[in-house]
């Protein structure tokens, strides 16, 4: 998934019960700085969902679809 970041922090660590949904790809890909490689950028814990990117900007609806499924549950 292509993600758009605007001055967003990443998740430093995920504790018990937190599912990591997305990470920055490994360094070596174009535009991926070494300091960002592997950083956690999306998590879920129960009905809570957090991202450090802006899914509404990319045009990809998968994060929104996940949010709707969580809300239905």
PDB file of N, CA and C in Angstrom:
ATOM      1  N   UNK A   1       0.843  -1.168   0.000  1.00  0.00           N
ATOM      2  CA  UNK A   1       0.000   0.000   0.000  1.00  0.00           C
ATOM      3  C   UNK A   1       0.891   1.235   0.000  1.00  0.00           C
ATOM      4  N   UNK A   2       0.592   2.174  -0.848  1.00  0.00           N
ATOM      5  CA  UNK A   2       1.286   3.453  -0.857  1.00  0.00           C
ATOM      6  C   UNK A   2       0.682   4.305   0.246  1.00  0.00           C
ATOM      7  N   UNK A   3       1.507   4.845   1.131  1.00  0.00           N
ATOM      8  CA  UNK A   3       1.008   5.655   2.247  1.00  0.00           C
ATOM      9  C   UNK A   3       1.589   7.059   2.167  1.00  0.00           C
ATOM     10  N   UNK A   4       0.782   8.038   2.540  1.00  0.00           N
ATOM     11  CA  UNK A   4       1.201   9.434   2.526  1.00  0.00           C
ATOM     12  C   UNK A   4       1.419   9.875   3.974  1.00  0.00           C
ATOM     13  N   UNK A   5       2.626  10.355   4.264  1.00  0.00           N
ATOM     14  CA  UNK A   5       2.978  10.810   5.607  1.00  0.00           C
ATOM     15  C   UNK A   5       3.124  12.328   5.610  1.00  0.00           C
ATOM     16  N   UNK A   6       2.550  12.965   6.624  1.00  0.00           N
ATOM     17  CA  UNK A   6       2.677  14.402   6.793  1.00  0.00           C
ATOM     18  C   UNK A   6       3.078  14.652   8.248  1.00  0.00           C
ATOM     19  N   UNK A   7       4.356  14.771   8.499  1.00  0.00           N
ATOM     20  CA  UNK A   7       4.879  15.025   9.845  1.00  0.00           C
ATOM     21  C   UNK A   7       4.303  14.062  10.884  1.00  0.00           C
ATOM     22  N   UNK A   8       4.131  12.831  10.526  1.00  0.00           N
ATOM     23  CA  UNK A   8       3.521  11.856  11.439  1.00  0.00           C
ATOM     24  C   UNK A   8       4.580  11.050  12.184  1.00  0.00           C
ATOM     25  N   UNK A   9       4.360  10.834  13.484  1.00  0.00           N
ATOM     26  CA  UNK A   9       5.277   9.964  14.229  1.00  0.00           C
ATOM     27  C   UNK A   9       4.973   8.502  13.926  1.00  0.00           C
ATOM     28  N   UNK A  10       5.909   7.649  14.176  1.00  0.00           N
ATOM     29  CA  UNK A  10       5.651   6.224  14.048  1.00  0.00           C
ATOM     30  C   UNK A  10       5.447   5.653  15.441  1.00  0.00           C
ATOM     31  N   UNK A  11       5.042   4.412  15.513  1.00  0.00           N
ATOM     32  CA  UNK A  11       4.838   3.722  16.789  1.00  0.00           C
ATOM     33  C   UNK A  11       6.187   3.160  17.215  1.00  0.00           C
ATOM     34  N   UNK A  12       6.614   3.496  18.405  1.00  0.00           N
ATOM     35  CA  UNK A  12       7.912   3.035  18.902  1.00  0.00           C
ATOM     36  C   UNK A  12       7.910   1.550  19.235  1.00  0.00           C
ATOM     37  N   UNK A  13       6.837   1.064  19.841  1.00  0.00           N
ATOM     38  CA  UNK A  13       6.733  -0.359  20.158  1.00  0.00           C
ATOM     39  C   UNK A  13       5.267  -0.717  20.355  1.00  0.00           C
ATOM     40  N   UNK A  14       4.965  -1.977  20.186  1.00  0.00           N
ATOM     41  CA  UNK A  14       3.604  -2.469  20.356  1.00  0.00           C
ATOM     42  C   UNK A  14       3.602  -3.503  21.481  1.00  0.00           C
ATOM     43  N   UNK A  15       2.772  -3.265  22.469  1.00  0.00           N
ATOM     44  CA  UNK A  15       2.693  -4.155  23.622  1.00  0.00           C
ATOM     45  C   UNK A  15       1.777  -5.338  23.370  1.00  0.00           C
ATOM     46  N   UNK A  16       1.552  -6.131  24.417  1.00  0.00           N
ATOM     47  CA  UNK A  16       0.668  -7.291  24.308  1.00  0.00           C
ATOM     48  C   UNK A  16      -0.740  -6.856  23.885  1.00  0.00           C
ATOM     49  N   UNK A  17      -1.330  -7.607  23.013  1.00  0.00           N
ATOM     50  CA  UNK A  17      -2.679  -7.314  22.560  1.00  0.00           C
ATOM     51  C   UNK A  17      -2.756  -6.314  21.421  1.00  0.00           C
ATOM     52  N   UNK A  18      -1.622  -5.785  21.010  1.00  0.00           N
ATOM     53  CA  UNK A  18      -1.591  -4.835  19.900  1.00  0.00           C
ATOM     54  C   UNK A  18      -1.096  -5.557  18.652  1.00  0.00           C
ATOM     55  N   UNK A  19      -1.898  -5.508  17.612  1.00  0.00           N
ATOM     56  CA  UNK A  19      -1.519  -6.135  16.343  1.00  0.00           C
ATOM     57  C   UNK A  19      -0.892  -5.084  15.434  1.00  0.00           C
ATOM     58  N   UNK A  20       0.307  -5.369  14.965  1.00  0.00           N
ATOM     59  CA  UNK A  20       0.975  -4.478  14.009  1.00  0.00           C
ATOM     60  C   UNK A  20       0.399  -4.776  12.634  1.00  0.00           C
ATOM     61  N   UNK A  21      -0.191  -3.762  12.015  1.00  0.00           N
ATOM     62  CA  UNK A  21      -0.819  -3.929  10.703  1.00  0.00           C
ATOM     63  C   UNK A  21       0.090  -3.508   9.556  1.00  0.00           C
ATOM     64  N   UNK A  22       0.998  -2.569   9.810  1.00  0.00           N
ATOM     65  CA  UNK A  22       1.859  -2.086   8.725  1.00  0.00           C
ATOM     66  C   UNK A  22       3.171  -1.532   9.260  1.00  0.00           C
ATOM     67  N   UNK A  23       4.206  -1.728   8.467  1.00  0.00           N
ATOM     68  CA  UNK A  23       5.538  -1.187   8.751  1.00  0.00           C
ATOM     69  C   UNK A  23       6.078  -0.535   7.485  1.00  0.00           C
ATOM     70  N   UNK A  24       7.009   0.387   7.671  1.00  0.00           N
ATOM     71  CA  UNK A  24       7.731   0.964   6.533  1.00  0.00           C
ATOM     72  C   UNK A  24       8.590  -0.152   5.935  1.00  0.00           C
ATOM     73  N   UNK A  25       8.664  -0.232   4.612  1.00  0.00           N
ATOM     74  CA  UNK A  25       9.510  -1.269   4.002  1.00  0.00           C
ATOM     75  C   UNK A  25      10.985  -1.089   4.377  1.00  0.00           C
ATOM     76  N   UNK A  26      11.761  -2.107   4.115  1.00  0.00           N
ATOM     77  CA  UNK A  26      13.195  -2.044   4.394  1.00  0.00           C
ATOM     78  C   UNK A  26      13.864  -0.962   3.565  1.00  0.00           C
ATOM     79  N   UNK A  27      14.955  -0.433   4.116  1.00  0.00           N
ATOM     80  CA  UNK A  27      15.751   0.547   3.382  1.00  0.00           C
ATOM     81  C   UNK A  27      16.262  -0.099   2.101  1.00  0.00           C
ATOM     82  N   UNK A  28      16.600   0.690   1.151  1.00  0.00           N
ATOM     83  CA  UNK A  28      17.042   0.166  -0.130  1.00  0.00           C
ATOM     84  C   UNK A  28      16.015   0.423  -1.207  1.00  0.00           C
ATOM     85  N   UNK A  29      14.765   0.575  -0.799  1.00  0.00           N
ATOM     86  CA  UNK A  29      13.731   0.953  -1.763  1.00  0.00           C
ATOM     87  C   UNK A  29      13.852   2.458  -1.990  1.00  0.00           C
ATOM     88  N   UNK A  30      13.547   2.927  -3.182  1.00  0.00           N
ATOM     89  CA  UNK A  30      13.641   4.367  -3.454  1.00  0.00           C
ATOM     90  C   UNK A  30      12.776   5.176  -2.487  1.00  0.00           C
ATOM     91  N   UNK A  31      13.360   6.209  -1.916  1.00  0.00           N
ATOM     92  CA  UNK A  31      12.623   7.108  -1.038  1.00  0.00           C
ATOM     93  C   UNK A  31      12.475   6.643   0.395  1.00  0.00           C
ATOM     94  N   UNK A  32      13.040   5.496   0.760  1.00  0.00           N
ATOM     95  CA  UNK A  32      12.932   4.993   2.129  1.00  0.00           C
ATOM     96  C   UNK A  32      14.245   5.274   2.859  1.00  0.00           C
ATOM     97  N   UNK A  33      14.255   6.240   3.769  1.00  0.00           N
ATOM     98  CA  UNK A  33      15.484   6.498   4.521  1.00  0.00           C
ATOM     99  C   UNK A  33      15.783   5.354   5.491  1.00  0.00           C
ATOM    100  N   UNK A  34      17.028   5.089   5.737  1.00  0.00           N
ATOM    101  CA  UNK A  34      17.425   3.984   6.606  1.00  0.00           C
ATOM    102  C   UNK A  34      16.799   4.106   7.991  1.00  0.00           C
ATOM    103  N   UNK A  35      16.669   5.327   8.522  1.00  0.00           N
ATOM    104  CA  UNK A  35      16.115   5.523   9.866  1.00  0.00           C
ATOM    105  C   UNK A  35      14.642   5.130   9.946  1.00  0.00           C
ATOM    106  N   UNK A  36      13.941   5.124   8.828  1.00  0.00           N
ATOM    107  CA  UNK A  36      12.509   4.795   8.823  1.00  0.00           C
ATOM    108  C   UNK A  36      12.241   3.322   8.550  1.00  0.00           C
ATOM    109  N   UNK A  37      13.183   2.619   8.004  1.00  0.00           N
ATOM    110  CA  UNK A  37      12.977   1.227   7.603  1.00  0.00           C
ATOM    111  C   UNK A  37      12.505   0.371   8.778  1.00  0.00           C
ATOM    112  N   UNK A  38      11.423  -0.358   8.554  1.00  0.00           N
ATOM    113  CA  UNK A  38      10.906  -1.277   9.551  1.00  0.00           C
ATOM    114  C   UNK A  38      10.045  -0.646  10.633  1.00  0.00           C
ATOM    115  N   UNK A  39       9.893   0.669  10.630  1.00  0.00           N
ATOM    116  CA  UNK A  39       9.105   1.344  11.665  1.00  0.00           C
ATOM    117  C   UNK A  39       7.621   0.984  11.558  1.00  0.00           C
ATOM    118  N   UNK A  40       6.971   0.876  12.693  1.00  0.00           N
ATOM    119  CA  UNK A  40       5.546   0.542  12.763  1.00  0.00           C
ATOM    120  C   UNK A  40       4.732   1.792  12.432  1.00  0.00           C
ATOM    121  N   UNK A  41       3.777   1.663  11.500  1.00  0.00           N
ATOM    122  CA  UNK A  41       2.972   2.815  11.087  1.00  0.00           C
ATOM    123  C   UNK A  41       1.464   2.570  11.143  1.00  0.00           C
ATOM    124  N   UNK A  42       1.037   1.369  11.511  1.00  0.00           N
ATOM    125  CA  UNK A  42      -0.395   1.099  11.688  1.00  0.00           C
ATOM    126  C   UNK A  42      -0.552  -0.032  12.704  1.00  0.00           C
ATOM    127  N   UNK A  43      -1.474   0.169  13.652  1.00  0.00           N
ATOM    128  CA  UNK A  43      -1.713  -0.815  14.703  1.00  0.00           C
ATOM    129  C   UNK A  43      -3.203  -0.934  14.989  1.00  0.00           C
ATOM    130  N   UNK A  44      -3.569  -2.064  15.580  1.00  0.00           N
ATOM    131  CA  UNK A  44      -4.948  -2.283  16.021  1.00  0.00           C
ATOM    132  C   UNK A  44      -4.910  -2.987  17.356  1.00  0.00           C
ATOM    133  N   UNK A  45      -5.771  -2.533  18.255  1.00  0.00           N
ATOM    134  CA  UNK A  45      -5.984  -3.220  19.521  1.00  0.00           C
ATOM    135  C   UNK A  45      -7.483  -3.234  19.761  1.00  0.00           C
ATOM    136  N   UNK A  46      -8.074  -4.400  19.605  1.00  0.00           N
ATOM    137  CA  UNK A  46      -9.524  -4.504  19.731  1.00  0.00           C
ATOM    138  C   UNK A  46     -10.212  -3.618  18.710  1.00  0.00           C
ATOM    139  N   UNK A  47     -11.056  -2.710  19.190  1.00  0.00           N
ATOM    140  CA  UNK A  47     -11.785  -1.829  18.276  1.00  0.00           C
ATOM    141  C   UNK A  47     -11.043  -0.530  17.985  1.00  0.00           C
ATOM    142  N   UNK A  48      -9.812  -0.402  18.464  1.00  0.00           N
ATOM    143  CA  UNK A  48      -9.017   0.802  18.233  1.00  0.00           C
ATOM    144  C   UNK A  48      -8.078   0.594  17.046  1.00  0.00           C
ATOM    145  N   UNK A  49      -8.023   1.584  16.181  1.00  0.00           N
ATOM    146  CA  UNK A  49      -7.171   1.536  14.996  1.00  0.00           C
ATOM    147  C   UNK A  49      -6.375   2.834  14.952  1.00  0.00           C
ATOM    148  N   UNK A  50      -5.078   2.748  14.745  1.00  0.00           N
ATOM    149  CA  UNK A  50      -4.248   3.945  14.657  1.00  0.00           C
ATOM    150  C   UNK A  50      -3.281   3.817  13.491  1.00  0.00           C
ATOM    151  N   UNK A  51      -3.135   4.906  12.753  1.00  0.00           N
ATOM    152  CA  UNK A  51      -2.149   4.961  11.672  1.00  0.00           C
ATOM    153  C   UNK A  51      -1.328   6.232  11.826  1.00  0.00           C
ATOM    154  N   UNK A  52      -0.105   6.200  11.356  1.00  0.00           N
ATOM    155  CA  UNK A  52       0.720   7.406  11.370  1.00  0.00           C
ATOM    156  C   UNK A  52       0.792   8.016   9.975  1.00  0.00           C
ATOM    157  N   UNK A  53      -0.032   7.533   9.090  1.00  0.00           N
ATOM    158  CA  UNK A  53      -0.102   8.092   7.735  1.00  0.00           C
ATOM    159  C   UNK A  53      -1.538   8.521   7.471  1.00  0.00           C
ATOM    160  N   UNK A  54      -1.766   9.134   6.337  1.00  0.00           N
ATOM    161  CA  UNK A  54      -3.081   9.671   5.984  1.00  0.00           C
ATOM    162  C   UNK A  54      -3.713   8.838   4.873  1.00  0.00           C
ATOM    163  N   UNK A  55      -4.494   7.806   5.230  1.00  0.00           N
ATOM    164  CA  UNK A  55      -5.076   6.944   4.199  1.00  0.00           C
ATOM    165  C   UNK A  55      -6.079   7.655   3.300  1.00  0.00           C
ATOM    166  N   UNK A  56      -6.629   8.776   3.764  1.00  0.00           N
ATOM    167  CA  UNK A  56      -7.613   9.499   2.955  1.00  0.00           C
ATOM    168  C   UNK A  56      -6.973  10.212   1.761  1.00  0.00           C
ATOM    169  N   UNK A  57      -5.659  10.384   1.770  1.00  0.00           N
ATOM    170  CA  UNK A  57      -4.980  11.107   0.691  1.00  0.00           C
ATOM    171  C   UNK A  57      -4.605  10.209  -0.479  1.00  0.00           C
ATOM    172  N   UNK A  58      -4.327   8.953  -0.203  1.00  0.00           N
ATOM    173  CA  UNK A  58      -3.788   8.063  -1.238  1.00  0.00           C
ATOM    174  C   UNK A  58      -4.826   7.591  -2.259  1.00  0.00           C
ATOM    175  N   UNK A  59      -6.098   7.613  -1.883  1.00  0.00           N
ATOM    176  CA  UNK A  59      -7.128   7.079  -2.772  1.00  0.00           C
ATOM    177  C   UNK A  59      -7.364   5.593  -2.576  1.00  0.00           C
ATOM    178  N   UNK A  60      -6.514   4.934  -1.805  1.00  0.00           N
ATOM    179  CA  UNK A  60      -6.670   3.513  -1.490  1.00  0.00           C
ATOM    180  C   UNK A  60      -7.665   3.405  -0.330  1.00  0.00           C
ATOM    181  N   UNK A  61      -8.701   2.624  -0.488  1.00  0.00           N
ATOM    182  CA  UNK A  61      -9.768   2.559   0.527  1.00  0.00           C
ATOM    183  C   UNK A  61      -9.620   1.413   1.530  1.00  0.00           C
ATOM    184  N   UNK A  62      -8.553   0.641   1.472  1.00  0.00           N
ATOM    185  CA  UNK A  62      -8.444  -0.536   2.338  1.00  0.00           C
ATOM    186  C   UNK A  62      -8.463  -0.209   3.827  1.00  0.00           C
ATOM    187  N   UNK A  63      -7.814   0.870   4.250  1.00  0.00           N
ATOM    188  CA  UNK A  63      -7.825   1.233   5.671  1.00  0.00           C
ATOM    189  C   UNK A  63      -9.229   1.658   6.083  1.00  0.00           C
ATOM    190  N   UNK A  64      -9.912   2.390   5.223  1.00  0.00           N
ATOM    191  CA  UNK A  64     -11.288   2.800   5.521  1.00  0.00           C
ATOM    192  C   UNK A  64     -12.216   1.588   5.601  1.00  0.00           C
ATOM    193  N   UNK A  65     -12.016   0.639   4.716  1.00  0.00           N
ATOM    194  CA  UNK A  65     -12.825  -0.584   4.740  1.00  0.00           C
ATOM    195  C   UNK A  65     -12.596  -1.355   6.032  1.00  0.00           C
ATOM    196  N   UNK A  66     -11.345  -1.425   6.482  1.00  0.00           N
ATOM    197  CA  UNK A  66     -11.036  -2.084   7.748  1.00  0.00           C
ATOM    198  C   UNK A  66     -11.726  -1.358   8.895  1.00  0.00           C
ATOM    199  N   UNK A  67     -11.674  -0.022   8.893  1.00  0.00           N
ATOM    200  CA  UNK A  67     -12.331   0.769   9.936  1.00  0.00           C
ATOM    201  C   UNK A  67     -13.833   0.469   9.989  1.00  0.00           C
ATOM    202  N   UNK A  68     -14.470   0.393   8.849  1.00  0.00           N
ATOM    203  CA  UNK A  68     -15.901   0.098   8.784  1.00  0.00           C
ATOM    204  C   UNK A  68     -16.169  -1.296   9.362  1.00  0.00           C
ATOM    205  N   UNK A  69     -15.355  -2.278   9.010  1.00  0.00           N
ATOM    206  CA  UNK A  69     -15.532  -3.637   9.543  1.00  0.00           C
ATOM    207  C   UNK A  69     -15.367  -3.652  11.068  1.00  0.00           C
ATOM    208  N   UNK A  70     -14.391  -2.900  11.575  1.00  0.00           N
ATOM    209  CA  UNK A  70     -14.195  -2.817  13.031  1.00  0.00           C
ATOM    210  C   UNK A  70     -15.418  -2.192  13.678  1.00  0.00           C
ATOM    211  N   UNK A  71     -15.939  -1.121  13.083  1.00  0.00           N
ATOM    212  CA  UNK A  71     -17.109  -0.429  13.643  1.00  0.00           C
ATOM    213  C   UNK A  71     -18.343  -1.329  13.629  1.00  0.00           C
ATOM    214  N   UNK A  72     -18.483  -2.143  12.611  1.00  0.00           N
ATOM    215  CA  UNK A  72     -19.617  -3.060  12.548  1.00  0.00           C
ATOM    216  C   UNK A  72     -19.541  -4.121  13.633  1.00  0.00           C
ATOM    217  N   UNK A  73     -18.319  -4.525  13.968  1.00  0.00           N
ATOM    218  CA  UNK A  73     -18.096  -5.617  14.914  1.00  0.00           C
ATOM    219  C   UNK A  73     -18.390  -5.211  16.311  1.00  0.00           C
TER     220      UNK A  73
END
